[in-house]
Amino acid sequence: MHTRFFSAIFGLGFGLGVALPPAHAQGEIEAKVQLCAACHGANGVPTDPKTIPPIWGQQQSYLMKQLRDFRSGERASAVMSPLAKSLAEGDLRKLAAYFAAKPWPQRASAKAPSPPKGIAQCQACHQPNFEGGMPAPRLAGLSYEYLVAAMRAFAAEERTNNLDMPKFMQALPEGERDAIARYLAAL
C-alpha cells in the first residue's frame, strides 16, 4: 500500500516536474518580451522610431548578432548593453526567434522615390527588396532618422560590429547616404 502511494506521488511529482518547466520558461520569455516592448513597442512599432528600430519581423540571425554584440560590448548602448548582459545565451536565442516570427509593422504605403545612386551595393546583402536575409538586417521601412544615424556611425567608425559597413559608408558621400536613407525609409 505504501509502495503504491509513494509510487503515485513520485509519478505525479515527476510528471509535474517535466510538464511545468516549459510553462515557467515560456513565462520568463514573455516577461523579457514585455521588457523589450517598453521601447520597441508592444505592437511592433517603437516608442520612438527615430532612435529605436522595429524588431518585429527583423531577421533572426541579425537580432541574435546584435544581442550578442550588445552583451559582449562590440556594440555599445547605454540601454541595450546592460539589458543584454543580463540575459543568458538561451534567452537571446528565444528572444531573437520570438521577434523574428512576428510580422513587420504595417504602415501607410507611400510611393517610393526613384532608387538613388549607390543603392545597388546594398542589395548584395540586404536583398533586392531590402527585407534582409542571412546575415543582413531588413532596411526597408526603418525610419530615415534611424538609418542616417546608423550610416553616420558606421562611416565615423563609431559602430564597428560589422567589418564591411564602415568601408561601404565611408565610400559614400553624405548626400548619397542621405538619399539612400530616404529611399529605404519610404519602402
Protein backbone atom coordinates (compact mmCIF):
# COMPACT_ATOMS: atom_id res chain seq x y z
CA MET A 1 0.00 0.00 0.00
CA HIS A 2 2.73 2.45 0.98
CA THR A 3 4.74 1.46 -2.09
CA ARG A 4 1.83 2.22 -4.41
CA PHE A 5 1.17 5.54 -2.63
CA PHE A 6 4.81 6.62 -2.87
CA SER A 7 4.97 5.46 -6.49
CA ALA A 8 1.88 7.51 -7.29
CA ILE A 9 3.25 10.58 -5.51
CA PHE A 10 6.64 10.14 -7.17
CA GLY A 11 4.99 9.68 -10.58
CA LEU A 12 2.80 12.76 -10.09
CA GLY A 13 5.78 14.82 -8.92
CA PHE A 14 7.91 13.64 -11.81
CA GLY A 15 5.12 14.34 -14.30
CA LEU A 16 4.60 17.84 -12.97
CA GLY A 17 8.34 18.43 -12.91
CA VAL A 18 8.55 17.55 -16.58
CA ALA A 19 5.42 19.50 -17.53
CA LEU A 20 5.97 22.71 -15.58
CA PRO A 21 9.40 23.97 -16.70
CA PRO A 22 8.32 24.76 -20.28
CA ALA A 23 5.36 26.79 -19.00
CA HIS A 24 7.64 28.51 -16.49
CA ALA A 25 10.29 29.09 -19.16
CA GLN A 26 7.62 30.48 -21.52
CA GLY A 27 6.54 32.86 -18.75
CA GLU A 28 10.12 34.01 -18.30
CA ILE A 29 10.47 34.78 -22.01
CA GLU A 30 7.12 36.59 -22.01
CA ALA A 31 8.39 38.77 -19.15
CA LYS A 32 11.55 39.54 -21.11
CA VAL A 33 9.47 40.29 -24.22
CA GLN A 34 7.50 42.81 -22.16
CA LEU A 35 10.75 44.47 -21.17
CA CYS A 36 11.68 44.77 -24.87
CA ALA A 37 8.22 46.10 -25.70
CA ALA A 38 8.74 49.05 -23.36
CA CYS A 39 10.89 50.66 -26.08
CA HIS A 40 10.45 48.53 -29.21
CA GLY A 41 6.65 48.58 -28.90
CA ALA A 42 4.02 46.06 -27.87
CA ASN A 43 2.63 46.04 -31.40
CA GLY A 44 5.93 46.21 -33.25
CA VAL A 45 6.03 49.99 -33.54
CA PRO A 46 8.81 51.50 -31.40
CA THR A 47 8.01 54.24 -28.93
CA ASP A 48 10.46 56.49 -30.80
CA PRO A 49 11.06 55.19 -34.36
CA LYS A 50 13.63 57.94 -34.94
CA THR A 51 16.05 56.36 -32.47
CA ILE A 52 14.67 52.85 -31.84
CA PRO A 53 14.33 50.29 -34.65
CA PRO A 54 11.41 47.90 -35.03
CA ILE A 55 12.43 44.37 -34.11
CA TRP A 56 9.20 42.60 -35.05
CA GLY A 57 9.85 40.71 -38.27
CA GLN A 58 13.56 41.56 -38.32
CA GLN A 59 15.97 38.83 -39.41
CA GLN A 60 16.57 36.31 -36.60
CA SER A 61 20.29 35.98 -37.30
CA TYR A 62 20.67 39.76 -37.22
CA LEU A 63 18.73 40.08 -33.95
CA MET A 64 20.86 37.35 -32.40
CA LYS A 65 24.09 39.01 -33.52
CA GLN A 66 23.05 42.41 -32.18
CA LEU A 67 22.02 40.98 -28.82
CA ARG A 68 25.34 39.15 -28.55
CA ASP A 69 27.23 42.28 -29.60
CA PHE A 70 25.41 44.41 -27.03
CA ARG A 71 26.20 41.77 -24.40
CA SER A 72 29.89 41.49 -25.33
CA GLY A 73 30.42 45.23 -25.75
CA GLU A 74 31.15 45.02 -29.50
CA ARG A 75 28.15 47.32 -29.93
CA ALA A 76 27.62 49.94 -27.27
CA SER A 77 24.30 51.26 -26.00
CA ALA A 78 23.52 52.77 -22.63
CA VAL A 79 20.17 50.95 -22.65
CA MET A 80 20.74 47.74 -24.62
CA SER A 81 24.16 46.74 -23.29
CA PRO A 82 23.10 46.30 -19.64
CA LEU A 83 19.88 44.55 -20.69
CA ALA A 84 21.71 42.12 -22.98
CA LYS A 85 24.34 41.40 -20.32
CA SER A 86 21.56 40.26 -18.00
CA LEU A 87 20.34 37.64 -20.50
CA ALA A 88 21.56 34.07 -20.84
CA GLU A 89 22.56 32.76 -24.27
CA GLY A 90 19.40 30.67 -24.43
CA ASP A 91 17.29 33.75 -23.74
CA LEU A 92 18.99 35.61 -26.58
CA ARG A 93 18.04 32.78 -28.96
CA LYS A 94 14.45 32.66 -27.72
CA LEU A 95 14.03 36.43 -27.97
CA ALA A 96 15.53 36.58 -31.47
CA ALA A 97 13.25 33.76 -32.62
CA TYR A 98 10.21 35.32 -30.95
CA PHE A 99 10.62 38.71 -32.60
CA ALA A 100 11.68 37.32 -35.98
CA ALA A 101 8.45 35.29 -36.10
CA LYS A 102 6.30 38.42 -35.65
CA PRO A 103 5.06 40.37 -38.68
CA TRP A 104 6.88 43.54 -39.71
CA PRO A 105 4.78 46.52 -38.56
CA GLN A 106 2.35 47.71 -41.21
CA ARG A 107 2.23 51.35 -42.12
CA ALA A 108 0.60 53.52 -44.73
CA SER A 109 2.03 52.89 -48.16
CA ALA A 110 3.75 55.79 -49.78
CA LYS A 111 5.12 55.92 -53.27
CA ALA A 112 8.80 55.12 -53.03
CA PRO A 113 11.14 57.60 -54.68
CA SER A 114 13.40 56.50 -57.50
CA PRO A 115 16.31 54.31 -56.35
CA PRO A 116 19.29 56.54 -55.56
CA LYS A 117 22.82 56.16 -56.82
CA GLY A 118 24.80 53.69 -54.72
CA ILE A 119 21.80 51.61 -53.61
CA ALA A 120 22.80 48.58 -55.71
CA GLN A 121 25.75 47.78 -53.42
CA CYS A 122 23.28 47.47 -50.52
CA GLN A 123 21.22 44.84 -52.33
CA ALA A 124 24.01 42.28 -52.31
CA CYS A 125 23.50 41.66 -48.59
CA HIS A 126 20.16 43.27 -47.75
CA GLN A 127 18.43 41.58 -50.74
CA PRO A 128 16.75 43.19 -53.76
CA ASN A 129 13.68 44.28 -51.77
CA PHE A 130 15.76 45.34 -48.72
CA GLU A 131 13.87 42.94 -46.44
CA GLY A 132 17.17 41.41 -45.34
CA GLY A 133 18.48 37.91 -45.32
CA MET A 134 21.20 35.92 -43.66
CA PRO A 135 23.07 37.75 -42.13
CA ALA A 136 21.91 41.25 -43.09
CA PRO A 137 19.00 43.09 -41.46
CA ARG A 138 15.86 44.39 -43.06
CA LEU A 139 16.30 48.05 -44.00
CA ALA A 140 13.01 48.67 -45.82
CA GLY A 141 10.72 50.69 -43.61
CA LEU A 142 13.20 51.73 -40.93
CA SER A 143 12.91 55.42 -40.13
CA TYR A 144 15.00 57.91 -42.08
CA GLU A 145 16.49 59.24 -38.84
CA TYR A 146 17.50 55.80 -37.59
CA LEU A 147 19.05 54.87 -40.94
CA VAL A 148 21.01 58.13 -41.23
CA ALA A 149 22.30 57.77 -37.68
CA ALA A 150 23.40 54.17 -38.29
CA MET A 151 25.11 55.11 -41.57
CA ARG A 152 26.93 58.02 -39.93
CA ALA A 153 28.01 55.82 -37.02
CA PHE A 154 29.46 53.26 -39.44
CA ALA A 155 31.15 55.97 -41.55
CA ALA A 156 32.72 57.55 -38.46
CA GLU A 157 33.73 54.09 -37.19
CA GLU A 158 31.72 54.68 -34.02
CA ARG A 159 29.82 51.49 -34.81
CA THR A 160 32.18 48.72 -35.79
CA ASN A 161 30.31 45.48 -35.16
CA ASN A 162 30.26 44.80 -38.91
CA LEU A 163 33.57 44.71 -40.75
CA ASP A 164 32.19 45.75 -44.16
CA MET A 165 29.79 48.55 -43.28
CA PRO A 166 32.34 51.19 -42.19
CA LYS A 167 34.13 50.86 -45.55
CA PHE A 168 30.89 50.99 -47.54
CA MET A 169 29.62 54.03 -45.67
CA GLN A 170 32.95 55.86 -45.86
CA ALA A 171 32.96 55.38 -49.64
CA LEU A 172 29.59 57.12 -49.98
CA PRO A 173 29.35 60.89 -49.78
CA GLU A 174 26.95 62.14 -47.11
CA GLY A 175 24.43 63.23 -49.76
CA GLU A 176 24.27 59.69 -51.18
CA ARG A 177 23.85 58.21 -47.72
CA ASP A 178 21.03 60.68 -47.12
CA ALA A 179 19.32 59.72 -50.41
CA ILE A 180 19.66 56.01 -49.62
CA ALA A 181 18.17 56.53 -46.15
CA ARG A 182 15.21 58.47 -47.59
CA TYR A 183 14.63 55.76 -50.18
CA LEU A 184 14.80 52.86 -47.70
CA ALA A 185 12.54 54.65 -45.20
CA ALA A 186 9.89 55.09 -47.91
CA LEU A 187 9.78 51.37 -48.76
